[in-house]
Amino acid sequence: MSERAVAEHYGADDLRARIFDAIPASGLDMESLRPADLAPVDEFHMGGRAATAEIVSRASLTAQERVLDIGSGLGGLVRYLASEVRCQATGVDLTPEYVDIATELTRLTRLTDKADFVVGSALSLPFDEMTFDAALTFHAGMNISDRETLYREAARVLRTGGKLVIYDVLKGTEPGMRFPVPWAETSETSYLVSAEKLREILSDVGFSILEEEDRTPLVLKHHKQKMAEVSDGKPPPPLGLHLLQRANAKEKSQNMIEMAEAGQIALGLFIAQLRE
């Protein structure tokens, strides 16, 4: 029930039409799309493409590696890996609409030789053991209650010494949550853990943490900037995250700001390595 609710939260019957109408409306040529052109809509995490570039750089991934994105959405991170790192990248996502759109956008950006996508659950990854050199998950864990199985599955498909990069919203030091938020309309599909709990789980399933950072200030900076953009009376650009967040996007961003300021949520980055 929870996985179905998550897929329904992100998917929509008209999602493809809205995105593919917005691309030419933004002045982009469908026949010469570049991955960076799609960043306004396919980088659905705090900080967008700038955060992607920084975090991927810190993970020190190479072109010789095979990399998995768990919770790949519209495929922005996978296409970044394929185009900038030049590695072989695979995305897995629970929402069929996202996988279909990600596959089509990858074809249009001429990256099908480097990037592919499959529908699947993060709790039962459709891959053999020791398939990947690294795995990343950006803003996906918040929808998953069974974090131990999530990270144990990541460990299973990683080769020994493989890296796991987690960029997620975490439970803050203060109690309380308000909805809606970008990842959930209600508490039914929202499952935050604290940084302390995440460290414990990662250690239990076989990872050593190489790097950890509290990026909460980015929540405030990013969302305040976005709120200012939608509050100046101008309509949003044709291509943007509002296509994914629907009519209550402003309320979702406002809730994020207020909870971050109150210490109810935090934004964390973890880079971990699978122990031998």
C-alpha atoms as a PDB file:
ATOM      1  CA  MET A   1       0.000   0.000   0.000  1.00  0.00           C
ATOM      2  CA  SER A   2       2.791   2.422   0.885  1.00  0.00           C
ATOM      3  CA  GLU A   3       4.700   1.840  -2.362  1.00  0.00           C
ATOM      4  CA  ARG A   4       1.521   2.246  -4.389  1.00  0.00           C
ATOM      5  CA  ALA A   5       0.768   5.510  -2.577  1.00  0.00           C
ATOM      6  CA  VAL A   6       4.292   6.792  -3.280  1.00  0.00           C
ATOM      7  CA  ALA A   7       4.009   5.954  -6.984  1.00  0.00           C
ATOM      8  CA  GLU A   8       0.632   7.685  -7.152  1.00  0.00           C
ATOM      9  CA  HIS A   9       2.040  10.774  -5.403  1.00  0.00           C
ATOM     10  CA  TYR A  10       4.725  11.246  -8.048  1.00  0.00           C
ATOM     11  CA  GLY A  11       2.928   9.913 -11.107  1.00  0.00           C
ATOM     12  CA  ALA A  12       0.120  11.588 -13.052  1.00  0.00           C
ATOM     13  CA  ASP A  13      -1.729  10.698 -16.216  1.00  0.00           C
ATOM     14  CA  ASP A  14      -0.837  13.996 -17.889  1.00  0.00           C
ATOM     15  CA  LEU A  15       2.726  14.331 -16.586  1.00  0.00           C
ATOM     16  CA  ARG A  16       4.345  13.442 -19.896  1.00  0.00           C
ATOM     17  CA  ALA A  17       2.161  15.876 -21.825  1.00  0.00           C
ATOM     18  CA  ARG A  18       2.912  18.723 -19.419  1.00  0.00           C
ATOM     19  CA  ILE A  19       6.663  18.174 -19.628  1.00  0.00           C
ATOM     20  CA  PHE A  20       6.814  17.676 -23.388  1.00  0.00           C
ATOM     21  CA  ASP A  21       4.625  20.727 -23.971  1.00  0.00           C
ATOM     22  CA  ALA A  22       6.879  22.801 -21.715  1.00  0.00           C
ATOM     23  CA  ILE A  23      10.106  21.901 -23.544  1.00  0.00           C
ATOM     24  CA  PRO A  24       9.326  23.740 -26.823  1.00  0.00           C
ATOM     25  CA  ALA A  25       7.484  26.435 -24.843  1.00  0.00           C
ATOM     26  CA  SER A  26      10.858  27.134 -23.191  1.00  0.00           C
ATOM     27  CA  GLY A  27      12.439  27.755 -26.597  1.00  0.00           C
ATOM     28  CA  LEU A  28      14.229  24.423 -26.677  1.00  0.00           C
ATOM     29  CA  ASP A  29      14.581  22.307 -29.798  1.00  0.00           C
ATOM     30  CA  MET A  30      13.413  18.761 -29.125  1.00  0.00           C
ATOM     31  CA  GLU A  31      15.894  17.443 -31.706  1.00  0.00           C
ATOM     32  CA  SER A  32      18.972  18.999 -30.088  1.00  0.00           C
ATOM     33  CA  LEU A  33      18.318  18.725 -26.376  1.00  0.00           C
ATOM     34  CA  ARG A  34      21.252  18.657 -23.967  1.00  0.00           C
ATOM     35  CA  PRO A  35      21.047  17.192 -20.456  1.00  0.00           C
ATOM     36  CA  ALA A  36      21.612  20.633 -18.921  1.00  0.00           C
ATOM     37  CA  ASP A  37      18.547  21.977 -20.755  1.00  0.00           C
ATOM     38  CA  LEU A  38      16.324  19.715 -18.672  1.00  0.00           C
ATOM     39  CA  ALA A  39      17.799  20.644 -15.277  1.00  0.00           C
ATOM     40  CA  PRO A  40      14.883  22.939 -14.293  1.00  0.00           C
ATOM     41  CA  VAL A  41      12.548  19.928 -14.222  1.00  0.00           C
ATOM     42  CA  ASP A  42      14.666  16.777 -13.819  1.00  0.00           C
ATOM     43  CA  GLU A  43      16.839  17.792 -10.824  1.00  0.00           C
ATOM     44  CA  PHE A  44      14.128  17.262  -8.189  1.00  0.00           C
ATOM     45  CA  HIS A  45      16.248  17.828  -5.080  1.00  0.00           C
ATOM     46  CA  MET A  46      17.461  20.760  -3.020  1.00  0.00           C
ATOM     47  CA  GLY A  47      20.089  22.788  -4.835  1.00  0.00           C
ATOM     48  CA  GLY A  48      19.257  21.322  -8.239  1.00  0.00           C
ATOM     49  CA  ARG A  49      22.019  20.754 -10.775  1.00  0.00           C
ATOM     50  CA  ALA A  50      24.587  22.761  -8.794  1.00  0.00           C
ATOM     51  CA  ALA A  51      24.158  20.365  -5.861  1.00  0.00           C
ATOM     52  CA  THR A  52      24.389  17.404  -8.245  1.00  0.00           C
ATOM     53  CA  ALA A  53      27.688  18.641  -9.658  1.00  0.00           C
ATOM     54  CA  GLU A  54      29.208  19.266  -6.225  1.00  0.00           C
ATOM     55  CA  ILE A  55      28.124  15.970  -4.684  1.00  0.00           C
ATOM     56  CA  VAL A  56      29.114  13.843  -7.666  1.00  0.00           C
ATOM     57  CA  SER A  57      32.519  15.523  -7.683  1.00  0.00           C
ATOM     58  CA  ARG A  58      33.002  14.786  -3.993  1.00  0.00           C
ATOM     59  CA  ALA A  59      32.131  11.134  -4.567  1.00  0.00           C
ATOM     60  CA  SER A  60      35.119  10.844  -6.961  1.00  0.00           C
ATOM     61  CA  LEU A  61      33.343   8.639  -9.483  1.00  0.00           C
ATOM     62  CA  THR A  62      35.139   7.623 -12.681  1.00  0.00           C
ATOM     63  CA  ALA A  63      34.211   6.822 -16.265  1.00  0.00           C
ATOM     64  CA  GLN A  64      35.197   3.181 -15.758  1.00  0.00           C
ATOM     65  CA  GLU A  65      32.566   2.583 -13.079  1.00  0.00           C
ATOM     66  CA  ARG A  66      28.984   1.369 -13.301  1.00  0.00           C
ATOM     67  CA  VAL A  67      26.715   3.520 -11.143  1.00  0.00           C
ATOM     68  CA  LEU A  68      23.148   3.063  -9.867  1.00  0.00           C
ATOM     69  CA  ASP A  69      20.688   5.836  -8.970  1.00  0.00           C
ATOM     70  CA  ILE A  70      18.052   4.536  -6.530  1.00  0.00           C
ATOM     71  CA  GLY A  71      14.893   6.600  -6.913  1.00  0.00           C
ATOM     72  CA  SER A  72      15.918   8.110 -10.232  1.00  0.00           C
ATOM     73  CA  GLY A  73      12.768  10.109 -10.984  1.00  0.00           C
ATOM     74  CA  LEU A  74      12.905  11.786 -14.401  1.00  0.00           C
ATOM     75  CA  GLY A  75      16.552  10.747 -14.768  1.00  0.00           C
ATOM     76  CA  GLY A  76      18.424  14.009 -14.269  1.00  0.00           C
ATOM     77  CA  LEU A  77      21.121  12.525 -12.039  1.00  0.00           C
ATOM     78  CA  VAL A  78      21.596   9.513 -14.331  1.00  0.00           C
ATOM     79  CA  ARG A  79      21.984  11.747 -17.387  1.00  0.00           C
ATOM     80  CA  TYR A  80      24.427  13.954 -15.481  1.00  0.00           C
ATOM     81  CA  LEU A  81      26.536  10.908 -14.633  1.00  0.00           C
ATOM     82  CA  ALA A  82      26.408   9.657 -18.225  1.00  0.00           C
ATOM     83  CA  SER A  83      27.235  13.014 -19.818  1.00  0.00           C
ATOM     84  CA  GLU A  84      29.666  14.547 -17.317  1.00  0.00           C
ATOM     85  CA  VAL A  85      31.374  11.589 -15.624  1.00  0.00           C
ATOM     86  CA  ARG A  86      30.943   9.430 -18.763  1.00  0.00           C
ATOM     87  CA  CYS A  87      30.250   6.348 -16.668  1.00  0.00           C
ATOM     88  CA  GLN A  88      27.610   3.703 -17.327  1.00  0.00           C
ATOM     89  CA  ALA A  89      24.594   4.796 -15.269  1.00  0.00           C
ATOM     90  CA  THR A  90      21.338   3.019 -14.436  1.00  0.00           C
ATOM     91  CA  GLY A  91      18.261   4.438 -12.738  1.00  0.00           C
ATOM     92  CA  VAL A  92      15.586   2.512 -10.861  1.00  0.00           C
ATOM     93  CA  ASP A  93      12.307   4.095  -9.796  1.00  0.00           C
ATOM     94  CA  LEU A  94       8.983   2.958  -8.401  1.00  0.00           C
ATOM     95  CA  THR A  95       6.884   5.227 -10.642  1.00  0.00           C
ATOM     96  CA  PRO A  96       6.332   3.851 -14.167  1.00  0.00           C
ATOM     97  CA  GLU A  97       5.524   7.309 -15.586  1.00  0.00           C
ATOM     98  CA  TYR A  98       8.878   8.611 -14.395  1.00  0.00           C
ATOM     99  CA  VAL A  99      10.768   5.690 -15.924  1.00  0.00           C
ATOM    100  CA  ASP A 100       8.985   6.091 -19.261  1.00  0.00           C
ATOM    101  CA  ILE A 101       9.681   9.832 -19.386  1.00  0.00           C
ATOM    102  CA  ALA A 102      13.286   9.368 -18.216  1.00  0.00           C
ATOM    103  CA  THR A 103      13.870   6.834 -21.001  1.00  0.00           C
ATOM    104  CA  GLU A 104      12.437   9.155 -23.636  1.00  0.00           C
ATOM    105  CA  LEU A 105      14.398  12.179 -22.424  1.00  0.00           C
ATOM    106  CA  THR A 106      17.559  10.075 -22.463  1.00  0.00           C
ATOM    107  CA  ARG A 107      16.894   9.130 -26.075  1.00  0.00           C
ATOM    108  CA  LEU A 108      16.343  12.779 -26.991  1.00  0.00           C
ATOM    109  CA  THR A 109      19.641  13.752 -25.335  1.00  0.00           C
ATOM    110  CA  ARG A 110      21.434  10.952 -27.198  1.00  0.00           C
ATOM    111  CA  LEU A 111      22.637   9.123 -24.096  1.00  0.00           C
ATOM    112  CA  THR A 112      21.044   5.702 -24.511  1.00  0.00           C
ATOM    113  CA  ASP A 113      24.462   4.090 -24.869  1.00  0.00           C
ATOM    114  CA  LYS A 114      25.408   5.319 -21.388  1.00  0.00           C
ATOM    115  CA  ALA A 115      22.128   5.450 -19.451  1.00  0.00           C
ATOM    116  CA  ASP A 116      19.134   3.179 -18.888  1.00  0.00           C
ATOM    117  CA  PHE A 117      16.155   2.964 -16.518  1.00  0.00           C
ATOM    118  CA  VAL A 118      14.008   0.231 -14.987  1.00  0.00           C
ATOM    119  CA  VAL A 119      10.855   0.165 -12.884  1.00  0.00           C
ATOM    120  CA  GLY A 120      11.540  -1.410  -9.518  1.00  0.00           C
ATOM    121  CA  SER A 121      11.410  -1.187  -5.750  1.00  0.00           C
ATOM    122  CA  ALA A 122      14.360   0.085  -3.744  1.00  0.00           C
ATOM    123  CA  LEU A 123      13.494  -2.633  -1.222  1.00  0.00           C
ATOM    124  CA  SER A 124      14.003  -5.401  -3.781  1.00  0.00           C
ATOM    125  CA  LEU A 125      16.394  -4.091  -6.412  1.00  0.00           C
ATOM    126  CA  PRO A 126      16.106  -5.933  -9.747  1.00  0.00           C
ATOM    127  CA  PHE A 127      19.864  -6.513 -10.064  1.00  0.00           C
ATOM    128  CA  ASP A 128      22.321  -9.267  -9.235  1.00  0.00           C
ATOM    129  CA  GLU A 129      24.760  -9.075  -6.350  1.00  0.00           C
ATOM    130  CA  MET A 130      27.924  -7.019  -6.865  1.00  0.00           C
ATOM    131  CA  THR A 131      26.675  -5.376 -10.078  1.00  0.00           C
ATOM    132  CA  PHE A 132      27.637  -1.754  -9.381  1.00  0.00           C
ATOM    133  CA  ASP A 133      30.724   0.166  -8.292  1.00  0.00           C
ATOM    134  CA  ALA A 134      28.684   2.949  -6.701  1.00  0.00           C
ATOM    135  CA  ALA A 135      25.078   3.780  -5.825  1.00  0.00           C
ATOM    136  CA  LEU A 136      23.476   7.155  -5.220  1.00  0.00           C
ATOM    137  CA  THR A 137      20.109   8.074  -3.774  1.00  0.00           C
ATOM    138  CA  PHE A 138      18.975  11.706  -3.816  1.00  0.00           C
ATOM    139  CA  HIS A 139      15.807  12.610  -1.895  1.00  0.00           C
ATOM    140  CA  ALA A 140      14.290   9.141  -2.087  1.00  0.00           C
ATOM    141  CA  GLY A 141      14.687   7.694   1.395  1.00  0.00           C
ATOM    142  CA  MET A 142      12.072  10.052   2.852  1.00  0.00           C
ATOM    143  CA  ASN A 143       9.346   7.852   1.307  1.00  0.00           C
ATOM    144  CA  ILE A 144      10.730   4.561   2.652  1.00  0.00           C
ATOM    145  CA  SER A 145       9.961   3.291   6.149  1.00  0.00           C
ATOM    146  CA  ASP A 146      12.217   0.219   6.010  1.00  0.00           C
ATOM    147  CA  ARG A 147      15.564   1.964   5.804  1.00  0.00           C
ATOM    148  CA  GLU A 148      17.536  -1.104   6.855  1.00  0.00           C
ATOM    149  CA  THR A 149      16.263  -3.066   3.846  1.00  0.00           C
ATOM    150  CA  LEU A 150      16.865  -0.058   1.571  1.00  0.00           C
ATOM    151  CA  TYR A 151      20.540   0.219   2.482  1.00  0.00           C
ATOM    152  CA  ARG A 152      21.029  -3.540   2.775  1.00  0.00           C
ATOM    153  CA  GLU A 153      19.782  -3.854  -0.811  1.00  0.00           C
ATOM    154  CA  ALA A 154      22.233  -1.131  -1.866  1.00  0.00           C
ATOM    155  CA  ALA A 155      25.015  -3.086  -0.165  1.00  0.00           C
ATOM    156  CA  ARG A 156      23.930  -6.292  -1.913  1.00  0.00           C
ATOM    157  CA  VAL A 157      24.234  -4.865  -5.428  1.00  0.00           C
ATOM    158  CA  LEU A 158      27.523  -3.065  -4.711  1.00  0.00           C
ATOM    159  CA  ARG A 159      30.939  -4.552  -5.224  1.00  0.00           C
ATOM    160  CA  THR A 160      33.241  -4.701  -2.206  1.00  0.00           C
ATOM    161  CA  GLY A 161      34.592  -1.240  -1.534  1.00  0.00           C
ATOM    162  CA  GLY A 162      31.750   0.358  -3.491  1.00  0.00           C
ATOM    163  CA  LYS A 163      30.451   3.765  -2.484  1.00  0.00           C
ATOM    164  CA  LEU A 164      26.955   4.748  -1.403  1.00  0.00           C
ATOM    165  CA  VAL A 165      26.031   8.444  -1.653  1.00  0.00           C
ATOM    166  CA  ILE A 166      22.926   9.560   0.252  1.00  0.00           C
ATOM    167  CA  TYR A 167      21.510  13.080  -0.097  1.00  0.00           C
ATOM    168  CA  ASP A 168      18.265  13.246   1.867  1.00  0.00           C
ATOM    169  CA  VAL A 169      15.939  15.207   4.092  1.00  0.00           C
ATOM    170  CA  LEU A 170      16.377  14.034   7.686  1.00  0.00           C
ATOM    171  CA  LYS A 171      14.489  14.360  10.936  1.00  0.00           C
ATOM    172  CA  GLY A 172      15.672  17.434  12.832  1.00  0.00           C
ATOM    173  CA  THR A 173      16.365  17.896  16.527  1.00  0.00           C
ATOM    174  CA  GLU A 174      12.906  19.331  17.223  1.00  0.00           C
ATOM    175  CA  PRO A 175       9.634  17.362  17.028  1.00  0.00           C
ATOM    176  CA  GLY A 176       6.818  18.081  14.606  1.00  0.00           C
ATOM    177  CA  MET A 177       5.978  17.847  10.914  1.00  0.00           C
ATOM    178  CA  ARG A 178       3.591  19.726   8.674  1.00  0.00           C
ATOM    179  CA  PHE A 179       2.173  18.695   5.332  1.00  0.00           C
ATOM    180  CA  PRO A 180       2.160  18.838   2.370  1.00  0.00           C
ATOM    181  CA  VAL A 181       5.866  18.660   1.513  1.00  0.00           C
ATOM    182  CA  PRO A 182       7.517  17.954  -1.876  1.00  0.00           C
ATOM    183  CA  TRP A 183       7.817  14.220  -1.157  1.00  0.00           C
ATOM    184  CA  ALA A 184       4.434  13.635   0.502  1.00  0.00           C
ATOM    185  CA  GLU A 185       0.959  15.113   0.751  1.00  0.00           C
ATOM    186  CA  THR A 186       0.348  13.458   4.146  1.00  0.00           C
ATOM    187  CA  SER A 187       2.228  11.481   6.786  1.00  0.00           C
ATOM    188  CA  GLU A 188       1.183   8.244   5.040  1.00  0.00           C
ATOM    189  CA  THR A 189       4.255   8.314   2.771  1.00  0.00           C
ATOM    190  CA  SER A 190       6.755  10.342   4.835  1.00  0.00           C
ATOM    191  CA  TYR A 191       9.386   8.523   6.901  1.00  0.00           C
ATOM    192  CA  LEU A 192      12.257  10.686   8.096  1.00  0.00           C
ATOM    193  CA  VAL A 193      15.147   9.396  10.192  1.00  0.00           C
ATOM    194  CA  SER A 194      17.719  11.363  12.151  1.00  0.00           C
ATOM    195  CA  ALA A 195      21.368  11.623  11.169  1.00  0.00           C
ATOM    196  CA  GLU A 196      22.226   9.508  14.206  1.00  0.00           C
ATOM    197  CA  LYS A 197      19.832   6.755  13.167  1.00  0.00           C
ATOM    198  CA  LEU A 198      21.125   6.813   9.603  1.00  0.00           C
ATOM    199  CA  ARG A 199      24.703   6.381  10.807  1.00  0.00           C
ATOM    200  CA  GLU A 200      23.612   3.407  12.913  1.00  0.00           C
ATOM    201  CA  ILE A 201      21.766   1.703  10.061  1.00  0.00           C
ATOM    202  CA  LEU A 202      24.605   2.200   7.590  1.00  0.00           C
ATOM    203  CA  SER A 203      27.090   0.669  10.011  1.00  0.00           C
ATOM    204  CA  ASP A 204      24.790  -2.269  10.735  1.00  0.00           C
ATOM    205  CA  VAL A 205      24.438  -3.198   7.041  1.00  0.00           C
ATOM    206  CA  GLY A 206      28.174  -2.999   6.340  1.00  0.00           C
ATOM    207  CA  PHE A 207      29.105   0.585   5.447  1.00  0.00           C
ATOM    208  CA  SER A 208      31.786   2.879   6.841  1.00  0.00           C
ATOM    209  CA  ILE A 209      31.042   6.588   6.582  1.00  0.00           C
ATOM    210  CA  LEU A 210      33.734   8.502   4.689  1.00  0.00           C
ATOM    211  CA  GLU A 211      32.085  11.908   4.766  1.00  0.00           C
ATOM    212  CA  GLU A 212      29.053  13.525   6.376  1.00  0.00           C
ATOM    213  CA  GLU A 213      27.685  17.039   6.043  1.00  0.00           C
ATOM    214  CA  ASP A 214      24.689  18.928   7.400  1.00  0.00           C
ATOM    215  CA  ARG A 215      23.461  20.908   4.396  1.00  0.00           C
ATOM    216  CA  THR A 216      20.419  22.408   6.114  1.00  0.00           C
ATOM    217  CA  PRO A 217      21.382  25.991   5.166  1.00  0.00           C
ATOM    218  CA  LEU A 218      20.843  24.944   1.536  1.00  0.00           C
ATOM    219  CA  VAL A 219      17.234  24.077   2.344  1.00  0.00           C
ATOM    220  CA  LEU A 220      16.653  27.616   3.490  1.00  0.00           C
ATOM    221  CA  LYS A 221      18.640  29.305   0.733  1.00  0.00           C
ATOM    222  CA  HIS A 222      17.194  27.209  -2.072  1.00  0.00           C
ATOM    223  CA  HIS A 223      13.587  27.359  -0.983  1.00  0.00           C
ATOM    224  CA  LYS A 224      13.615  31.014  -0.015  1.00  0.00           C
ATOM    225  CA  GLN A 225      14.959  31.798  -3.469  1.00  0.00           C
ATOM    226  CA  LYS A 226      12.249  29.696  -5.084  1.00  0.00           C
ATOM    227  CA  MET A 227       9.577  31.267  -2.907  1.00  0.00           C
ATOM    228  CA  ALA A 228      10.757  34.734  -3.937  1.00  0.00           C
ATOM    229  CA  GLU A 229      10.549  33.745  -7.584  1.00  0.00           C
ATOM    230  CA  VAL A 230       6.926  32.596  -7.298  1.00  0.00           C
ATOM    231  CA  SER A 231       5.912  35.515  -5.063  1.00  0.00           C
ATOM    232  CA  ASP A 232       6.948  38.328  -7.399  1.00  0.00           C
ATOM    233  CA  GLY A 233       3.725  38.087  -9.382  1.00  0.00           C
ATOM    234  CA  LYS A 234       5.349  36.674 -12.500  1.00  0.00           C
ATOM    235  CA  PRO A 235       4.185  33.338 -13.883  1.00  0.00           C
ATOM    236  CA  PRO A 236       6.662  30.469 -13.471  1.00  0.00           C
ATOM    237  CA  PRO A 237       8.784  29.524 -16.486  1.00  0.00           C
ATOM    238  CA  PRO A 238       7.251  26.810 -18.673  1.00  0.00           C
ATOM    239  CA  LEU A 239       9.790  24.182 -17.593  1.00  0.00           C
ATOM    240  CA  GLY A 240      10.189  23.778 -13.853  1.00  0.00           C
ATOM    241  CA  LEU A 241       9.532  21.703 -10.762  1.00  0.00           C
ATOM    242  CA  HIS A 242       6.015  23.151 -10.503  1.00  0.00           C
ATOM    243  CA  LEU A 243       5.114  20.636 -13.231  1.00  0.00           C
ATOM    244  CA  LEU A 244       5.829  17.883 -10.691  1.00  0.00           C
ATOM    245  CA  GLN A 245       4.546  19.527  -7.491  1.00  0.00           C
ATOM    246  CA  ARG A 246       1.201  20.671  -8.858  1.00  0.00           C
ATOM    247  CA  ALA A 247      -1.064  23.412  -7.475  1.00  0.00           C
ATOM    248  CA  ASN A 248       0.187  23.363  -3.878  1.00  0.00           C
ATOM    249  CA  ALA A 249       3.888  23.772  -4.745  1.00  0.00           C
ATOM    250  CA  LYS A 250       4.077  27.094  -2.883  1.00  0.00           C
ATOM    251  CA  GLU A 251       2.623  25.603   0.295  1.00  0.00           C
ATOM    252  CA  LYS A 252       5.084  22.703   0.108  1.00  0.00           C
ATOM    253  CA  SER A 253       8.055  25.070  -0.142  1.00  0.00           C
ATOM    254  CA  GLN A 254       6.759  27.255   2.679  1.00  0.00           C
ATOM    255  CA  ASN A 255       6.399  24.240   4.942  1.00  0.00           C
ATOM    256  CA  MET A 256       9.961  23.181   4.122  1.00  0.00           C
ATOM    257  CA  ILE A 257      11.294  26.632   5.049  1.00  0.00           C
ATOM    258  CA  GLU A 258       9.384  26.835   8.314  1.00  0.00           C
ATOM    259  CA  MET A 259      10.390  23.331   9.421  1.00  0.00           C
ATOM    260  CA  ALA A 260      14.049  23.892   8.564  1.00  0.00           C
ATOM    261  CA  GLU A 261      14.054  27.166  10.500  1.00  0.00           C
ATOM    262  CA  ALA A 262      12.388  25.434  13.455  1.00  0.00           C
ATOM    263  CA  GLY A 263      14.908  22.563  13.444  1.00  0.00           C
ATOM    264  CA  GLN A 264      12.222  19.993  12.615  1.00  0.00           C
ATOM    265  CA  ILE A 265      13.979  18.821   9.459  1.00  0.00           C
ATOM    266  CA  ALA A 266      17.580  18.794   8.260  1.00  0.00           C
ATOM    267  CA  LEU A 267      19.310  18.106   4.959  1.00  0.00           C
ATOM    268  CA  GLY A 268      22.114  15.567   5.105  1.00  0.00           C
ATOM    269  CA  LEU A 269      24.821  14.251   2.817  1.00  0.00           C
ATOM    270  CA  PHE A 270      26.515  10.927   3.551  1.00  0.00           C
ATOM    271  CA  ILE A 271      29.252   9.293   1.492  1.00  0.00           C
ATOM    272  CA  ALA A 272      29.878   5.751   2.697  1.00  0.00           C
ATOM    273  CA  GLN A 273      31.943   2.758   1.568  1.00  0.00           C
ATOM    274  CA  LEU A 274      31.053  -0.908   1.702  1.00  0.00           C
ATOM    275  CA  ARG A 275      33.400  -2.739   4.046  1.00  0.00           C
ATOM    276  CA  GLU A 276      35.148  -5.954   3.087  1.00  0.00           C
END
